[in-house]
N, C-alpha and C. Protein backbone atom coordinates (compact mmCIF):
# COMPACT_ATOMS: atom_id res chain seq x y z
N MET A 1 -3.11 -81.09 -30.67
CA MET A 1 -1.76 -81.36 -30.22
C MET A 1 -1.82 -81.92 -28.79
N ALA A 2 -1.12 -82.99 -28.54
CA ALA A 2 -1.10 -83.63 -27.22
C ALA A 2 -0.26 -82.83 -26.24
N LYS A 3 -0.69 -82.84 -24.99
CA LYS A 3 0.06 -82.17 -23.94
C LYS A 3 1.09 -83.13 -23.37
N LYS A 4 2.23 -82.59 -23.04
CA LYS A 4 3.23 -83.39 -22.35
C LYS A 4 3.49 -82.68 -21.02
N ILE A 5 3.04 -83.28 -19.95
CA ILE A 5 3.16 -82.67 -18.63
C ILE A 5 4.08 -83.52 -17.77
N VAL A 6 5.00 -82.84 -17.09
CA VAL A 6 5.94 -83.50 -16.18
C VAL A 6 5.58 -83.05 -14.77
N ASN A 7 5.42 -83.99 -13.87
CA ASN A 7 5.11 -83.68 -12.48
C ASN A 7 6.36 -83.78 -11.63
N LYS A 8 6.54 -82.81 -10.74
CA LYS A 8 7.61 -82.81 -9.75
C LYS A 8 6.94 -82.65 -8.39
N SER A 9 7.31 -83.45 -7.44
CA SER A 9 6.66 -83.37 -6.14
C SER A 9 7.57 -82.69 -5.11
N VAL A 10 6.94 -82.15 -4.09
CA VAL A 10 7.65 -81.54 -2.97
C VAL A 10 7.14 -82.21 -1.71
N SER A 11 8.05 -82.67 -0.88
CA SER A 11 7.67 -83.32 0.37
C SER A 11 8.04 -82.42 1.54
N PHE A 12 7.19 -82.41 2.55
CA PHE A 12 7.43 -81.65 3.77
C PHE A 12 7.45 -82.61 4.95
N ASN A 13 8.54 -82.59 5.71
CA ASN A 13 8.63 -83.38 6.94
C ASN A 13 8.02 -82.52 8.05
N VAL A 14 6.76 -82.77 8.38
CA VAL A 14 6.04 -81.91 9.32
C VAL A 14 6.50 -82.07 10.77
N VAL A 15 7.42 -83.01 11.02
CA VAL A 15 8.01 -83.12 12.36
C VAL A 15 9.05 -82.02 12.54
N ASP A 16 9.67 -81.58 11.45
CA ASP A 16 10.64 -80.48 11.48
C ASP A 16 9.87 -79.16 11.52
N PRO A 17 10.03 -78.36 12.57
CA PRO A 17 9.28 -77.11 12.70
C PRO A 17 9.46 -76.17 11.50
N PHE A 18 10.66 -76.12 10.94
CA PHE A 18 10.93 -75.24 9.79
C PHE A 18 10.12 -75.69 8.57
N GLN A 19 10.12 -76.99 8.31
CA GLN A 19 9.37 -77.50 7.17
C GLN A 19 7.86 -77.39 7.41
N GLN A 20 7.43 -77.56 8.65
CA GLN A 20 6.02 -77.38 8.98
C GLN A 20 5.59 -75.94 8.71
N GLN A 21 6.45 -74.99 9.04
CA GLN A 21 6.17 -73.58 8.80
C GLN A 21 6.06 -73.31 7.29
N MET A 22 6.94 -73.93 6.51
CA MET A 22 6.87 -73.76 5.05
C MET A 22 5.57 -74.35 4.51
N LYS A 23 5.19 -75.53 4.99
CA LYS A 23 3.96 -76.16 4.53
C LYS A 23 2.75 -75.29 4.85
N GLU A 24 2.71 -74.75 6.06
CA GLU A 24 1.59 -73.88 6.44
C GLU A 24 1.54 -72.65 5.55
N HIS A 25 2.69 -72.14 5.17
CA HIS A 25 2.74 -70.97 4.29
C HIS A 25 2.15 -71.30 2.91
N VAL A 26 2.58 -72.40 2.31
CA VAL A 26 2.10 -72.72 0.96
C VAL A 26 0.65 -73.18 0.96
N ASP A 27 0.15 -73.65 2.10
CA ASP A 27 -1.25 -74.07 2.18
C ASP A 27 -2.22 -72.91 1.95
N GLN A 28 -1.76 -71.68 2.11
CA GLN A 28 -2.65 -70.54 1.90
C GLN A 28 -2.90 -70.26 0.42
N TYR A 29 -2.15 -70.90 -0.46
CA TYR A 29 -2.30 -70.69 -1.90
C TYR A 29 -3.13 -71.84 -2.50
N PRO A 30 -4.26 -71.52 -3.11
CA PRO A 30 -5.10 -72.60 -3.66
C PRO A 30 -4.46 -73.31 -4.86
N ASN A 31 -3.57 -72.65 -5.58
CA ASN A 31 -2.92 -73.27 -6.74
C ASN A 31 -1.43 -73.39 -6.44
N PHE A 32 -1.06 -74.47 -5.77
CA PHE A 32 0.32 -74.72 -5.36
C PHE A 32 1.27 -74.70 -6.56
N SER A 33 0.86 -75.32 -7.65
CA SER A 33 1.71 -75.41 -8.84
C SER A 33 2.04 -74.01 -9.39
N ALA A 34 1.04 -73.16 -9.50
CA ALA A 34 1.28 -71.80 -10.01
C ALA A 34 2.19 -71.02 -9.06
N TYR A 35 2.00 -71.19 -7.76
CA TYR A 35 2.82 -70.50 -6.77
C TYR A 35 4.29 -70.90 -6.92
N ILE A 36 4.55 -72.19 -7.02
CA ILE A 36 5.93 -72.68 -7.17
C ILE A 36 6.53 -72.18 -8.49
N LYS A 37 5.75 -72.19 -9.55
CA LYS A 37 6.25 -71.70 -10.84
C LYS A 37 6.62 -70.23 -10.77
N ARG A 38 5.83 -69.43 -10.04
CA ARG A 38 6.19 -68.00 -9.88
C ARG A 38 7.50 -67.85 -9.11
N LEU A 39 7.70 -68.68 -8.07
CA LEU A 39 8.96 -68.62 -7.33
C LEU A 39 10.14 -68.99 -8.21
N ILE A 40 9.96 -70.01 -9.05
CA ILE A 40 11.03 -70.42 -9.96
C ILE A 40 11.32 -69.31 -10.96
N GLN A 41 10.28 -68.68 -11.48
CA GLN A 41 10.46 -67.58 -12.44
C GLN A 41 11.25 -66.44 -11.80
N ARG A 42 10.87 -66.05 -10.57
CA ARG A 42 11.60 -64.98 -9.88
C ARG A 42 13.07 -65.34 -9.71
N ASP A 43 13.32 -66.58 -9.36
CA ASP A 43 14.70 -67.04 -9.17
C ASP A 43 15.47 -66.97 -10.48
N MET A 44 14.84 -67.40 -11.57
CA MET A 44 15.50 -67.37 -12.88
C MET A 44 15.80 -65.94 -13.32
N GLU A 45 14.94 -65.00 -12.93
CA GLU A 45 15.13 -63.60 -13.30
C GLU A 45 16.04 -62.87 -12.33
N GLY A 46 16.55 -63.58 -11.34
CA GLY A 46 17.48 -62.96 -10.39
C GLY A 46 16.80 -62.11 -9.34
N GLY A 47 15.48 -62.26 -9.22
CA GLY A 47 14.74 -61.47 -8.23
C GLY A 47 14.93 -62.02 -6.84
N ASN A 48 14.64 -61.17 -5.88
CA ASN A 48 14.73 -61.61 -4.49
C ASN A 48 13.45 -61.27 -3.76
N ALA A 49 12.33 -61.35 -4.45
CA ALA A 49 11.05 -61.01 -3.86
C ALA A 49 10.50 -62.13 -2.98
N VAL A 50 11.23 -63.21 -2.88
CA VAL A 50 10.77 -64.33 -2.07
C VAL A 50 11.06 -64.03 -0.61
N ARG A 51 10.04 -64.14 0.22
CA ARG A 51 10.21 -63.91 1.65
C ARG A 51 10.88 -65.12 2.26
N THR A 52 11.93 -64.90 3.02
CA THR A 52 12.63 -66.01 3.65
C THR A 52 12.00 -66.34 4.99
N ILE A 53 12.06 -67.59 5.35
CA ILE A 53 11.56 -68.07 6.63
C ILE A 53 12.78 -68.40 7.47
N LYS A 54 12.87 -67.79 8.63
CA LYS A 54 14.03 -68.00 9.49
C LYS A 54 13.65 -68.86 10.68
N LYS A 55 14.58 -69.74 11.03
CA LYS A 55 14.40 -70.53 12.24
C LYS A 55 14.64 -69.64 13.45
N ALA A 56 13.92 -69.91 14.51
CA ALA A 56 14.14 -69.18 15.75
C ALA A 56 15.50 -69.59 16.30
N PRO A 57 16.28 -68.62 16.78
CA PRO A 57 17.60 -68.97 17.32
C PRO A 57 17.45 -69.81 18.59
N ALA A 58 18.40 -70.69 18.76
CA ALA A 58 18.41 -71.52 19.97
C ALA A 58 18.73 -70.63 21.17
N PRO A 59 18.08 -70.90 22.29
CA PRO A 59 18.36 -70.07 23.47
C PRO A 59 19.80 -70.26 23.93
N ALA A 60 20.41 -69.17 24.35
CA ALA A 60 21.79 -69.22 24.82
C ALA A 60 21.84 -69.86 26.21
N VAL A 61 22.84 -70.69 26.42
CA VAL A 61 23.02 -71.34 27.72
C VAL A 61 24.26 -70.73 28.36
N THR A 62 24.10 -70.18 29.53
CA THR A 62 25.23 -69.57 30.23
C THR A 62 25.24 -70.03 31.69
N ASN A 63 26.38 -69.88 32.30
CA ASN A 63 26.55 -70.16 33.73
C ASN A 63 26.12 -71.58 34.12
N LEU A 64 26.61 -72.56 33.38
CA LEU A 64 26.33 -73.95 33.73
C LEU A 64 27.27 -74.40 34.83
N SER A 65 26.73 -75.17 35.75
CA SER A 65 27.56 -75.72 36.82
C SER A 65 28.11 -77.07 36.37
N MET A 66 29.08 -77.59 37.09
CA MET A 66 29.66 -78.89 36.75
C MET A 66 28.60 -79.99 36.92
N THR A 67 27.66 -79.81 37.84
CA THR A 67 26.58 -80.77 38.03
C THR A 67 25.72 -80.83 36.76
N GLN A 68 25.41 -79.68 36.19
CA GLN A 68 24.59 -79.63 34.98
C GLN A 68 25.33 -80.23 33.79
N LEU A 69 26.65 -80.10 33.77
CA LEU A 69 27.45 -80.62 32.66
C LEU A 69 27.77 -82.11 32.81
N ASN A 70 27.43 -82.70 33.92
CA ASN A 70 27.76 -84.10 34.18
C ASN A 70 27.20 -84.97 33.04
N GLY A 71 28.08 -85.75 32.42
CA GLY A 71 27.66 -86.64 31.36
C GLY A 71 27.72 -86.02 29.97
N ILE A 72 27.94 -84.72 29.86
CA ILE A 72 28.03 -84.07 28.55
C ILE A 72 29.48 -84.12 28.07
N LYS A 73 29.68 -84.65 26.89
CA LYS A 73 31.03 -84.71 26.32
C LYS A 73 31.30 -83.43 25.57
N LEU A 74 32.36 -82.77 25.90
CA LEU A 74 32.72 -81.52 25.23
C LEU A 74 33.80 -81.75 24.20
């Protein structure tokens, strides 16, 4: 019996720190396809065993002077 295989690709924009972090995470798995299939299976089963990757919060800016705000449109 002949196999019918469909390929789906995933692209990572490594300039984006969040996507770079995801790429580095999946690089630790030697079988990328099996890893992605397990994630899809967990999602289909309603599981939440997938570890989320969070972006670092932007630093808060306080006490700006009018000189520092010069040229910034609010």
